[in-house]
Amino acid sequence: MKKLILIVTAIFAFIGVSNAQCDMSTKDTTAKESGIDFYVSAGVSMSNGAGEKFSYTSYPSVELGIMKNNFSLGLVVGRGNFVRTGGLDYFSDYWAELKTALYIPVGNFNTYGLIGIGSYFESNKMFIEYGVGFSYSFKKIGVFSQVSNWDGAWYVTPGVSYTF
């Protein structure tokens, strides 16, 4: 839990420093000139669990982050799967991850490589995620699909994003 608090604090400090460099009366102009954008995205990571149901092998998540040029840094929070043990929701079923990505424009699409590190809440177990993906933007709304190895298993993650 201490590691999670440290990660969250670091992200908010990074966002605060990047915002502090803008005059609030000209925030939109300054943000565009500096190339900084904020985003939120949601996705569902799906794995091919041998004989398991979708609800056991899929992981929903939400990511908040910033982008500058072709680099992004985000905090991802998600649930271990869609199954409630005994019909109850436990804090230990959730996880958080600090994730970065480097984007490369290819025509109308962006391809990207990603790497992240995270942990389940109420656990000392850390995990690493790495992979590749592509995205397409319709102005402020985007769609993406990625393939990544997350906590030792391969997942395909489709999702949507919104850039502020």
N, C-alpha and C. Protein backbone atom coordinates (compact mmCIF):
# COMPACT_ATOMS: atom_id res chain seq x y z
N MET A 1 0.82 -1.19 0.00
CA MET A 1 0.00 0.00 0.00
C MET A 1 0.87 1.25 0.00
N LYS A 2 2.01 1.19 0.69
CA LYS A 2 2.91 2.34 0.72
C LYS A 2 3.43 2.66 -0.67
N LYS A 3 3.71 1.61 -1.45
CA LYS A 3 4.21 1.81 -2.81
C LYS A 3 3.16 2.48 -3.67
N LEU A 4 1.91 2.07 -3.52
CA LEU A 4 0.82 2.65 -4.29
C LEU A 4 0.67 4.13 -3.96
N ILE A 5 0.71 4.47 -2.69
CA ILE A 5 0.59 5.87 -2.27
C ILE A 5 1.74 6.69 -2.85
N LEU A 6 2.93 6.13 -2.86
CA LEU A 6 4.09 6.82 -3.43
C LEU A 6 3.90 7.05 -4.92
N ILE A 7 3.41 6.06 -5.64
CA ILE A 7 3.18 6.19 -7.08
C ILE A 7 2.14 7.27 -7.36
N VAL A 8 1.02 7.22 -6.64
CA VAL A 8 -0.05 8.21 -6.84
C VAL A 8 0.46 9.61 -6.53
N THR A 9 1.21 9.77 -5.47
CA THR A 9 1.76 11.07 -5.10
C THR A 9 2.70 11.58 -6.18
N ALA A 10 3.54 10.72 -6.72
CA ALA A 10 4.47 11.12 -7.78
C ALA A 10 3.73 11.60 -9.02
N ILE A 11 2.66 10.91 -9.39
CA ILE A 11 1.90 11.32 -10.57
C ILE A 11 1.24 12.68 -10.34
N PHE A 12 0.59 12.86 -9.18
CA PHE A 12 -0.04 14.14 -8.91
C PHE A 12 0.99 15.27 -8.83
N ALA A 13 2.16 14.99 -8.31
CA ALA A 13 3.22 16.00 -8.26
C ALA A 13 3.66 16.36 -9.68
N PHE A 14 3.80 15.35 -10.54
CA PHE A 14 4.21 15.58 -11.92
C PHE A 14 3.17 16.42 -12.65
N ILE A 15 1.88 16.09 -12.46
CA ILE A 15 0.79 16.85 -13.08
C ILE A 15 0.78 18.27 -12.53
N GLY A 16 0.97 18.41 -11.22
CA GLY A 16 0.98 19.73 -10.61
C GLY A 16 2.11 20.60 -11.14
N VAL A 17 3.29 20.02 -11.30
CA VAL A 17 4.43 20.78 -11.83
C VAL A 17 4.15 21.20 -13.26
N SER A 18 3.58 20.30 -14.07
CA SER A 18 3.31 20.66 -15.45
C SER A 18 2.23 21.73 -15.54
N ASN A 19 1.23 21.71 -14.65
CA ASN A 19 0.20 22.75 -14.63
C ASN A 19 0.74 24.05 -14.09
N ALA A 20 1.66 24.00 -13.14
CA ALA A 20 2.21 25.21 -12.52
C ALA A 20 2.99 26.03 -13.53
N GLN A 21 3.43 25.42 -14.62
CA GLN A 21 4.18 26.15 -15.63
C GLN A 21 3.28 26.95 -16.55
N CYS A 22 1.95 26.84 -16.38
CA CYS A 22 0.98 27.55 -17.22
C CYS A 22 0.35 28.68 -16.43
N ASP A 23 0.12 29.80 -17.07
CA ASP A 23 -0.71 30.85 -16.49
C ASP A 23 -2.15 30.43 -16.66
N MET A 24 -2.93 30.34 -15.57
CA MET A 24 -4.28 29.81 -15.62
C MET A 24 -5.18 30.60 -16.57
N SER A 25 -4.93 31.89 -16.79
CA SER A 25 -5.77 32.67 -17.69
C SER A 25 -5.52 32.30 -19.15
N THR A 26 -4.36 31.70 -19.43
CA THR A 26 -4.04 31.29 -20.79
C THR A 26 -3.71 29.82 -20.85
N LYS A 27 -4.32 29.04 -19.98
CA LYS A 27 -3.98 27.62 -19.87
C LYS A 27 -4.14 26.87 -21.19
N ASP A 28 -5.25 27.09 -21.91
CA ASP A 28 -5.47 26.36 -23.15
C ASP A 28 -4.39 26.69 -24.17
N THR A 29 -4.07 27.97 -24.34
CA THR A 29 -3.05 28.38 -25.30
C THR A 29 -1.69 27.84 -24.89
N THR A 30 -1.33 28.00 -23.63
CA THR A 30 -0.03 27.55 -23.16
C THR A 30 0.10 26.04 -23.25
N ALA A 31 -0.97 25.31 -22.89
CA ALA A 31 -0.93 23.86 -22.97
C ALA A 31 -0.71 23.40 -24.40
N LYS A 32 -1.40 24.02 -25.36
CA LYS A 32 -1.23 23.63 -26.76
C LYS A 32 0.16 23.98 -27.25
N GLU A 33 0.68 25.15 -26.84
CA GLU A 33 2.02 25.54 -27.25
C GLU A 33 3.07 24.60 -26.68
N SER A 34 2.86 24.13 -25.46
CA SER A 34 3.84 23.25 -24.83
C SER A 34 3.65 21.81 -25.27
N GLY A 35 2.52 21.50 -25.92
CA GLY A 35 2.27 20.14 -26.40
C GLY A 35 1.77 19.20 -25.32
N ILE A 36 1.30 19.73 -24.18
CA ILE A 36 0.83 18.88 -23.09
C ILE A 36 -0.68 18.69 -23.22
N ASP A 37 -1.10 17.43 -23.19
CA ASP A 37 -2.52 17.08 -23.20
C ASP A 37 -2.80 16.14 -22.04
N PHE A 38 -4.01 16.23 -21.49
CA PHE A 38 -4.45 15.31 -20.46
C PHE A 38 -5.45 14.35 -21.09
N TYR A 39 -5.48 13.11 -20.62
CA TYR A 39 -6.38 12.14 -21.20
C TYR A 39 -6.96 11.21 -20.14
N VAL A 40 -8.07 10.58 -20.49
CA VAL A 40 -8.66 9.51 -19.71
C VAL A 40 -9.02 8.41 -20.70
N SER A 41 -8.78 7.17 -20.32
CA SER A 41 -9.12 6.06 -21.21
C SER A 41 -9.68 4.90 -20.39
N ALA A 42 -10.42 4.06 -21.08
CA ALA A 42 -11.00 2.87 -20.45
C ALA A 42 -10.84 1.71 -21.39
N GLY A 43 -10.56 0.54 -20.83
CA GLY A 43 -10.38 -0.66 -21.65
C GLY A 43 -10.68 -1.92 -20.87
N VAL A 44 -10.76 -3.02 -21.60
CA VAL A 44 -10.95 -4.33 -20.98
C VAL A 44 -9.88 -5.26 -21.55
N SER A 45 -8.98 -5.72 -20.69
CA SER A 45 -7.93 -6.65 -21.09
C SER A 45 -8.49 -8.06 -21.05
N MET A 46 -8.37 -8.77 -22.17
CA MET A 46 -8.95 -10.12 -22.28
C MET A 46 -7.86 -11.13 -22.57
N SER A 47 -7.91 -12.25 -21.85
CA SER A 47 -6.93 -13.31 -22.01
C SER A 47 -7.63 -14.59 -22.46
N ASN A 48 -6.84 -15.50 -22.99
CA ASN A 48 -7.36 -16.79 -23.40
C ASN A 48 -7.11 -17.79 -22.28
N GLY A 49 -7.85 -17.67 -21.19
CA GLY A 49 -7.72 -18.60 -20.08
C GLY A 49 -8.24 -19.97 -20.49
N ALA A 50 -7.45 -20.98 -20.32
CA ALA A 50 -7.83 -22.34 -20.74
C ALA A 50 -9.11 -22.79 -20.05
N GLY A 51 -10.21 -22.80 -20.80
CA GLY A 51 -11.48 -23.28 -20.27
C GLY A 51 -12.17 -22.35 -19.30
N GLU A 52 -11.60 -21.16 -19.06
CA GLU A 52 -12.20 -20.21 -18.13
C GLU A 52 -13.20 -19.32 -18.84
N LYS A 53 -14.17 -18.81 -18.09
CA LYS A 53 -15.17 -17.89 -18.63
C LYS A 53 -14.57 -16.50 -18.77
N PHE A 54 -15.19 -15.71 -19.65
CA PHE A 54 -14.77 -14.33 -19.90
C PHE A 54 -14.66 -13.55 -18.59
N SER A 55 -15.62 -13.71 -17.69
CA SER A 55 -15.64 -12.94 -16.44
C SER A 55 -14.43 -13.23 -15.55
N TYR A 56 -13.80 -14.40 -15.70
CA TYR A 56 -12.64 -14.75 -14.88
C TYR A 56 -11.32 -14.30 -15.52
N THR A 57 -11.31 -14.12 -16.84
CA THR A 57 -10.05 -13.83 -17.53
C THR A 57 -9.99 -12.44 -18.14
N SER A 58 -10.90 -11.55 -17.74
CA SER A 58 -10.93 -10.20 -18.28
C SER A 58 -10.79 -9.18 -17.16
N TYR A 59 -10.08 -8.10 -17.46
CA TYR A 59 -9.72 -7.11 -16.47
C TYR A 59 -10.10 -5.70 -16.93
N PRO A 60 -11.15 -5.09 -16.38
CA PRO A 60 -11.50 -3.72 -16.75
C PRO A 60 -10.56 -2.72 -16.07
N SER A 61 -10.32 -1.58 -16.76
CA SER A 61 -9.43 -0.57 -16.17
C SER A 61 -9.76 0.82 -16.70
N VAL A 62 -9.32 1.82 -15.94
CA VAL A 62 -9.43 3.23 -16.31
C VAL A 62 -8.06 3.85 -16.11
N GLU A 63 -7.65 4.69 -17.05
CA GLU A 63 -6.34 5.34 -16.98
C GLU A 63 -6.49 6.84 -17.09
N LEU A 64 -5.78 7.57 -16.23
CA LEU A 64 -5.69 9.03 -16.28
C LEU A 64 -4.24 9.38 -16.50
N GLY A 65 -3.98 10.33 -17.41
CA GLY A 65 -2.58 10.64 -17.64
C GLY A 65 -2.37 11.90 -18.43
N ILE A 66 -1.09 12.12 -18.76
CA ILE A 66 -0.69 13.27 -19.56
C ILE A 66 0.13 12.78 -20.74
N MET A 67 0.07 13.59 -21.82
CA MET A 67 0.87 13.31 -23.02
C MET A 67 1.63 14.57 -23.40
N LYS A 68 2.86 14.37 -23.81
CA LYS A 68 3.66 15.47 -24.35
C LYS A 68 4.43 14.91 -25.53
N ASN A 69 4.25 15.57 -26.65
CA ASN A 69 4.84 15.09 -27.89
C ASN A 69 4.38 13.65 -28.13
N ASN A 70 5.28 12.71 -28.18
CA ASN A 70 4.92 11.32 -28.44
C ASN A 70 5.10 10.43 -27.21
N PHE A 71 5.05 11.02 -26.03
CA PHE A 71 5.27 10.29 -24.79
C PHE A 71 4.07 10.46 -23.88
N SER A 72 3.65 9.38 -23.21
CA SER A 72 2.55 9.50 -22.24
C SER A 72 2.96 8.85 -20.92
N LEU A 73 2.37 9.35 -19.85
CA LEU A 73 2.56 8.81 -18.52
C LEU A 73 1.19 8.77 -17.86
N GLY A 74 0.78 7.59 -17.40
CA GLY A 74 -0.55 7.48 -16.83
C GLY A 74 -0.62 6.60 -15.60
N LEU A 75 -1.66 6.84 -14.82
CA LEU A 75 -1.99 6.00 -13.68
C LEU A 75 -3.20 5.17 -14.06
N VAL A 76 -3.07 3.86 -14.02
CA VAL A 76 -4.14 2.94 -14.38
C VAL A 76 -4.66 2.30 -13.10
N VAL A 77 -5.97 2.24 -12.97
CA VAL A 77 -6.61 1.56 -11.85
C VAL A 77 -7.62 0.58 -12.44
N GLY A 78 -7.62 -0.64 -11.94
CA GLY A 78 -8.52 -1.64 -12.50
C GLY A 78 -8.92 -2.70 -11.48
N ARG A 79 -9.72 -3.63 -11.97
CA ARG A 79 -10.23 -4.72 -11.14
C ARG A 79 -9.61 -6.02 -11.64
N GLY A 80 -9.32 -6.94 -10.75
CA GLY A 80 -8.69 -8.21 -11.10
C GLY A 80 -9.49 -9.05 -12.09
N ASN A 81 -10.80 -8.99 -12.06
CA ASN A 81 -11.69 -9.62 -13.03
C ASN A 81 -13.11 -9.15 -12.73
N PHE A 82 -14.08 -9.73 -13.42
CA PHE A 82 -15.47 -9.31 -13.22
C PHE A 82 -16.20 -10.12 -12.16
N VAL A 83 -15.52 -11.05 -11.51
CA VAL A 83 -16.16 -11.97 -10.57
C VAL A 83 -16.12 -11.41 -9.15
N ARG A 84 -17.24 -11.43 -8.47
CA ARG A 84 -17.31 -11.04 -7.07
C ARG A 84 -17.31 -12.30 -6.22
N THR A 85 -16.32 -12.43 -5.37
CA THR A 85 -16.21 -13.59 -4.50
C THR A 85 -17.33 -13.56 -3.47
N GLY A 86 -18.17 -14.56 -3.48
CA GLY A 86 -19.29 -14.62 -2.54
C GLY A 86 -20.27 -13.47 -2.71
N GLY A 87 -20.29 -12.85 -3.90
CA GLY A 87 -21.19 -11.74 -4.15
C GLY A 87 -20.71 -10.43 -3.56
N LEU A 88 -19.50 -10.41 -2.98
CA LEU A 88 -18.97 -9.20 -2.34
C LEU A 88 -17.82 -8.63 -3.16
N ASP A 89 -17.58 -7.34 -2.98
CA ASP A 89 -16.49 -6.65 -3.65
C ASP A 89 -15.42 -6.33 -2.61
N TYR A 90 -14.20 -6.81 -2.82
CA TYR A 90 -13.11 -6.61 -1.87
C TYR A 90 -12.07 -5.65 -2.44
N PHE A 91 -11.49 -4.83 -1.58
CA PHE A 91 -10.45 -3.88 -1.97
C PHE A 91 -9.26 -4.62 -2.59
N SER A 92 -8.98 -5.81 -2.13
CA SER A 92 -7.85 -6.59 -2.64
C SER A 92 -8.07 -7.08 -4.06
N ASP A 93 -9.29 -6.96 -4.60
CA ASP A 93 -9.56 -7.35 -5.98
C ASP A 93 -9.10 -6.29 -6.98
N TYR A 94 -8.66 -5.12 -6.51
CA TYR A 94 -8.29 -4.01 -7.37
C TYR A 94 -6.78 -3.84 -7.43
N TRP A 95 -6.30 -3.16 -8.48
CA TRP A 95 -4.87 -2.96 -8.67
C TRP A 95 -4.64 -1.55 -9.25
N ALA A 96 -3.40 -1.10 -9.18
CA ALA A 96 -2.99 0.18 -9.76
C ALA A 96 -1.64 -0.02 -10.45
N GLU A 97 -1.42 0.77 -11.48
CA GLU A 97 -0.20 0.63 -12.27
C GLU A 97 0.23 2.00 -12.78
N LEU A 98 1.52 2.25 -12.81
CA LEU A 98 2.10 3.42 -13.44
C LEU A 98 2.60 2.96 -14.80
N LYS A 99 2.08 3.57 -15.87
CA LYS A 99 2.39 3.08 -17.22
C LYS A 99 2.87 4.21 -18.11
N THR A 100 3.87 3.94 -18.93
CA THR A 100 4.37 4.90 -19.90
C THR A 100 4.25 4.29 -21.29
N ALA A 101 4.17 5.16 -22.28
CA ALA A 101 4.11 4.71 -23.67
C ALA A 101 4.84 5.71 -24.55
N LEU A 102 5.44 5.20 -25.61
CA LEU A 102 6.10 6.01 -26.62
C LEU A 102 5.38 5.77 -27.94
N TYR A 103 4.83 6.84 -28.53
CA TYR A 103 4.02 6.75 -29.75
C TYR A 103 4.84 7.10 -30.98
N ILE A 104 4.56 6.38 -32.07
CA ILE A 104 5.20 6.66 -33.36
C ILE A 104 4.09 6.78 -34.40
N PRO A 105 3.92 7.98 -35.00
CA PRO A 105 2.88 8.14 -36.02
C PRO A 105 3.19 7.31 -37.26
N VAL A 106 2.17 6.62 -37.77
CA VAL A 106 2.28 5.84 -39.00
C VAL A 106 1.02 6.14 -39.81
N GLY A 107 1.12 7.09 -40.73
CA GLY A 107 -0.06 7.52 -41.49
C GLY A 107 -1.08 8.14 -40.56
N ASN A 108 -2.33 7.68 -40.63
CA ASN A 108 -3.40 8.21 -39.78
C ASN A 108 -3.41 7.57 -38.40
N PHE A 109 -2.63 6.54 -38.18
CA PHE A 109 -2.61 5.82 -36.92
C PHE A 109 -1.36 6.17 -36.13
N ASN A 110 -1.39 5.80 -34.85
CA ASN A 110 -0.20 5.85 -34.00
C ASN A 110 0.08 4.42 -33.56
N THR A 111 1.31 4.00 -33.63
CA THR A 111 1.71 2.74 -33.00
C THR A 111 2.46 3.12 -31.74
N TYR A 112 2.47 2.23 -30.78
CA TYR A 112 3.15 2.57 -29.54
C TYR A 112 3.68 1.32 -28.84
N GLY A 113 4.72 1.55 -28.06
CA GLY A 113 5.24 0.55 -27.15
C GLY A 113 4.95 1.03 -25.74
N LEU A 114 4.67 0.09 -24.85
CA LEU A 114 4.31 0.48 -23.48
C LEU A 114 5.04 -0.39 -22.47
N ILE A 115 5.22 0.18 -21.30
CA ILE A 115 5.77 -0.56 -20.17
C ILE A 115 5.17 0.03 -18.90
N GLY A 116 4.88 -0.83 -17.95
CA GLY A 116 4.29 -0.36 -16.71
C GLY A 116 4.67 -1.25 -15.55
N ILE A 117 4.48 -0.72 -14.35
CA ILE A 117 4.73 -1.48 -13.13
C ILE A 117 3.57 -1.19 -12.18
N GLY A 118 3.08 -2.23 -11.52
CA GLY A 118 1.93 -2.04 -10.65
C GLY A 118 1.86 -3.06 -9.55
N SER A 119 0.76 -2.99 -8.80
CA SER A 119 0.55 -3.89 -7.67
C SER A 119 -0.93 -3.97 -7.35
N TYR A 120 -1.34 -5.13 -6.85
CA TYR A 120 -2.69 -5.26 -6.33
C TYR A 120 -2.76 -4.54 -5.00
N PHE A 121 -3.92 -3.96 -4.68
CA PHE A 121 -4.10 -3.32 -3.39
C PHE A 121 -4.02 -4.39 -2.30
N GLU A 122 -3.54 -4.01 -1.16
CA GLU A 122 -3.38 -4.90 -0.01
C GLU A 122 -2.49 -6.10 -0.33
N SER A 123 -1.50 -5.90 -1.20
CA SER A 123 -0.57 -6.97 -1.56
C SER A 123 0.81 -6.39 -1.78
N ASN A 124 1.82 -7.15 -1.48
CA ASN A 124 3.19 -6.74 -1.75
C ASN A 124 3.67 -7.22 -3.11
N LYS A 125 2.83 -7.98 -3.82
CA LYS A 125 3.21 -8.53 -5.11
C LYS A 125 3.18 -7.44 -6.18
N MET A 126 4.29 -7.24 -6.85
CA MET A 126 4.40 -6.28 -7.95
C MET A 126 4.27 -7.03 -9.26
N PHE A 127 3.81 -6.35 -10.30
CA PHE A 127 3.77 -6.95 -11.64
C PHE A 127 4.28 -5.95 -12.65
N ILE A 128 4.70 -6.47 -13.80
CA ILE A 128 5.20 -5.66 -14.90
C ILE A 128 4.32 -5.91 -16.11
N GLU A 129 4.06 -4.86 -16.86
CA GLU A 129 3.33 -4.99 -18.13
C GLU A 129 4.21 -4.41 -19.23
N TYR A 130 4.25 -5.09 -20.38
CA TYR A 130 4.94 -4.57 -21.55
C TYR A 130 4.20 -5.03 -22.79
N GLY A 131 4.24 -4.23 -23.83
CA GLY A 131 3.53 -4.61 -25.04
C GLY A 131 3.57 -3.55 -26.11
N VAL A 132 2.74 -3.74 -27.13
CA VAL A 132 2.63 -2.83 -28.26
C VAL A 132 1.15 -2.63 -28.60
N GLY A 133 0.86 -1.55 -29.30
CA GLY A 133 -0.52 -1.29 -29.68
C GLY A 133 -0.60 -0.27 -30.79
N PHE A 134 -1.82 0.03 -31.18
CA PHE A 134 -2.05 1.10 -32.13
C PHE A 134 -3.31 1.86 -31.73
N SER A 135 -3.38 3.13 -32.15
CA SER A 135 -4.53 3.97 -31.81
C SER A 135 -4.89 4.84 -33.00
N TYR A 136 -6.12 5.30 -32.99
CA TYR A 136 -6.62 6.22 -34.01
C TYR A 136 -7.49 7.25 -33.30
N SER A 137 -7.31 8.53 -33.67
CA SER A 137 -8.06 9.59 -33.00
C SER A 137 -9.03 10.27 -33.95
N PHE A 138 -10.23 10.53 -33.42
CA PHE A 138 -11.24 11.33 -34.08
C PHE A 138 -11.30 12.64 -33.30
N LYS A 139 -10.35 13.54 -33.54
CA LYS A 139 -10.18 14.76 -32.77
C LYS A 139 -9.90 14.42 -31.30
N LYS A 140 -10.83 14.64 -30.38
CA LYS A 140 -10.57 14.41 -28.95
C LYS A 140 -10.87 12.98 -28.51
N ILE A 141 -11.61 12.23 -29.29
CA ILE A 141 -11.96 10.85 -28.94
C ILE A 141 -11.08 9.91 -29.75
N GLY A 142 -10.57 8.88 -29.10
CA GLY A 142 -9.72 7.92 -29.78
C GLY A 142 -10.12 6.49 -29.45
N VAL A 143 -9.67 5.58 -30.28
CA VAL A 143 -9.84 4.15 -30.04
C VAL A 143 -8.45 3.51 -30.09
N PHE A 144 -8.28 2.44 -29.32
CA PHE A 144 -6.99 1.78 -29.32
C PHE A 144 -7.16 0.28 -29.15
N SER A 145 -6.11 -0.43 -29.52
CA SER A 145 -6.04 -1.86 -29.29
C SER A 145 -4.58 -2.19 -29.03
N GLN A 146 -4.35 -3.01 -28.03
CA GLN A 146 -2.97 -3.36 -27.69
C GLN A 146 -2.87 -4.81 -27.29
N VAL A 147 -1.67 -5.33 -27.43
CA VAL A 147 -1.33 -6.68 -26.97
C VAL A 147 -0.23 -6.51 -25.95
N SER A 148 -0.41 -7.08 -24.76
CA SER A 148 0.62 -6.92 -23.74
C SER A 148 0.71 -8.15 -22.85
N ASN A 149 1.88 -8.28 -22.26
CA ASN A 149 2.10 -9.32 -21.27
C ASN A 149 1.97 -8.64 -19.93
N TRP A 150 1.00 -9.11 -19.16
CA TRP A 150 0.65 -8.45 -17.91
C TRP A 150 0.64 -9.50 -16.82
N ASP A 151 1.53 -9.36 -15.87
CA ASP A 151 1.61 -10.29 -14.75
C ASP A 151 1.81 -11.73 -15.23
N GLY A 152 2.59 -11.90 -16.32
CA GLY A 152 2.95 -13.23 -16.81
C GLY A 152 1.97 -13.85 -17.79
N ALA A 153 0.90 -13.15 -18.18
CA ALA A 153 -0.07 -13.69 -19.14
C ALA A 153 -0.26 -12.67 -20.27
N TRP A 154 -0.61 -13.16 -21.46
CA TRP A 154 -0.83 -12.30 -22.62
C TRP A 154 -2.28 -11.86 -22.69
N TYR A 155 -2.49 -10.58 -22.99
CA TYR A 155 -3.83 -9.99 -23.07
C TYR A 155 -3.97 -9.14 -24.32
N VAL A 156 -5.19 -9.07 -24.83
CA VAL A 156 -5.57 -8.13 -25.87
C VAL A 156 -6.51 -7.13 -25.21
N THR A 157 -6.22 -5.83 -25.40
CA THR A 157 -7.01 -4.79 -24.74
C THR A 157 -7.54 -3.79 -25.76
N PRO A 158 -8.83 -3.83 -26.06
CA PRO A 158 -9.43 -2.74 -26.84
C PRO A 158 -9.93 -1.66 -25.87
N GLY A 159 -10.04 -0.43 -26.35
CA GLY A 159 -10.52 0.62 -25.47
C GLY A 159 -10.79 1.93 -26.19
N VAL A 160 -11.25 2.90 -25.43
CA VAL A 160 -11.54 4.25 -25.93
C VAL A 160 -10.84 5.26 -25.04
N SER A 161 -10.58 6.44 -25.60
CA SER A 161 -9.92 7.49 -24.83
C SER A 161 -10.52 8.85 -25.17
N TYR A 162 -10.33 9.79 -24.26
CA TYR A 162 -10.76 11.16 -24.47
C TYR A 162 -9.62 12.08 -24.04
N THR A 163 -9.23 13.00 -24.91
CA THR A 163 -8.15 13.94 -24.64
C THR A 163 -8.74 15.30 -24.31
N PHE A 164 -8.27 15.90 -23.21
CA PHE A 164 -8.76 17.22 -22.78
C PHE A 164 -8.00 18.32 -23.47
